[in-house]
């Protein structure tokens, strides 16, 4: 999975940072999915809309956070506190 990196190269550090960021994005998207599912099961779904994009279902929240993490994770947290 990982390629050998020459000693003294900054590529290793860059790959570590990139891997960490992707892992954080994936973990937070999974958390959002589980949290949105639990809220929906309690009868309090977390719903938000941005323009014509409506986020109603846990799968929609998961994909939105995974693909647009920087915008949708704060939106989810804000919508969650209002639900």
Protein backbone atom coordinates (compact mmCIF):
# COMPACT_ATOMS: atom_id res chain seq x y z
CA UNK A 1 0.00 0.00 0.00
CA UNK A 2 2.75 2.44 0.89
CA UNK A 3 5.68 3.09 -1.39
CA UNK A 4 9.20 3.39 -0.01
CA UNK A 5 10.20 7.03 0.49
CA UNK A 6 13.81 8.20 0.19
CA UNK A 7 15.43 9.43 3.39
CA UNK A 8 15.20 13.20 3.82
CA UNK A 9 12.21 13.51 1.51
CA UNK A 10 9.16 15.51 2.54
CA UNK A 11 6.94 13.13 0.59
CA UNK A 12 6.60 10.85 3.62
CA UNK A 13 5.34 13.69 5.78
CA UNK A 14 2.93 14.79 3.06
CA UNK A 15 1.54 11.27 2.70
CA UNK A 16 1.12 11.01 6.47
CA UNK A 17 -0.80 14.29 6.59
CA UNK A 18 -2.95 13.31 3.61
CA UNK A 19 -3.73 9.90 5.09
CA UNK A 20 -4.63 11.49 8.43
CA UNK A 21 -6.96 14.03 6.82
CA UNK A 22 -8.73 11.37 4.75
CA UNK A 23 -9.10 9.17 7.85
CA UNK A 24 -10.62 12.06 9.83
CA UNK A 25 -13.05 12.77 6.99
CA UNK A 26 -14.10 9.13 6.75
CA UNK A 27 -14.46 8.66 10.51
CA UNK A 28 -16.54 11.83 10.87
CA UNK A 29 -18.78 10.79 7.94
CA UNK A 30 -19.36 7.40 9.58
CA UNK A 31 -20.16 9.12 12.90
CA UNK A 32 -22.64 11.43 11.13
CA UNK A 33 -24.34 8.42 9.52
CA UNK A 34 -24.73 6.60 12.84
CA UNK A 35 -25.86 9.72 14.68
CA UNK A 36 -28.38 10.66 11.97
CA UNK A 37 -29.70 7.08 11.95
CA UNK A 38 -30.16 7.13 15.73
CA UNK A 39 -31.96 10.48 15.56
CA UNK A 40 -34.24 9.21 12.80
CA UNK A 41 -35.09 6.10 14.83
CA UNK A 42 -36.07 8.33 17.76
CA UNK A 43 -38.45 10.18 15.45
CA UNK A 44 -36.32 13.33 15.28
CA UNK A 45 -34.60 13.21 11.89
CA UNK A 46 -31.96 15.81 11.19
CA UNK A 47 -33.05 17.78 8.14
CA UNK A 48 -31.34 20.64 6.38
CA UNK A 49 -31.36 22.17 2.93
CA UNK A 50 -28.88 24.26 1.01
CA UNK A 51 -30.48 25.67 -2.11
CA UNK A 52 -32.07 22.75 -3.94
CA UNK A 53 -29.99 20.19 -2.00
CA UNK A 54 -32.03 18.61 0.79
CA UNK A 55 -30.37 16.45 3.40
CA UNK A 56 -33.01 14.29 5.07
CA UNK A 57 -31.72 10.74 5.25
CA UNK A 58 -28.64 9.39 7.03
CA UNK A 59 -27.16 8.19 3.72
CA UNK A 60 -27.50 11.68 2.25
CA UNK A 61 -25.75 13.15 5.28
CA UNK A 62 -22.99 10.54 5.01
CA UNK A 63 -22.30 11.30 1.36
CA UNK A 64 -22.49 15.06 1.89
CA UNK A 65 -20.03 14.97 4.79
CA UNK A 66 -17.73 12.58 2.95
CA UNK A 67 -17.63 14.65 -0.25
CA UNK A 68 -18.06 18.19 1.11
CA UNK A 69 -16.61 17.74 4.60
CA UNK A 70 -15.55 21.32 5.23
CA UNK A 71 -19.05 22.67 4.57
CA UNK A 72 -21.37 19.82 5.57
CA UNK A 73 -19.91 18.72 8.91
CA UNK A 74 -20.50 22.15 10.51
CA UNK A 75 -23.93 22.22 8.83
CA UNK A 76 -24.76 18.83 10.36
CA UNK A 77 -23.65 19.90 13.83
CA UNK A 78 -25.72 23.09 13.57
CA UNK A 79 -28.76 21.19 12.27
CA UNK A 80 -28.32 18.59 14.99
CA UNK A 81 -28.47 21.20 17.75
CA UNK A 82 -31.66 22.65 16.24
CA UNK A 83 -33.45 19.29 15.92
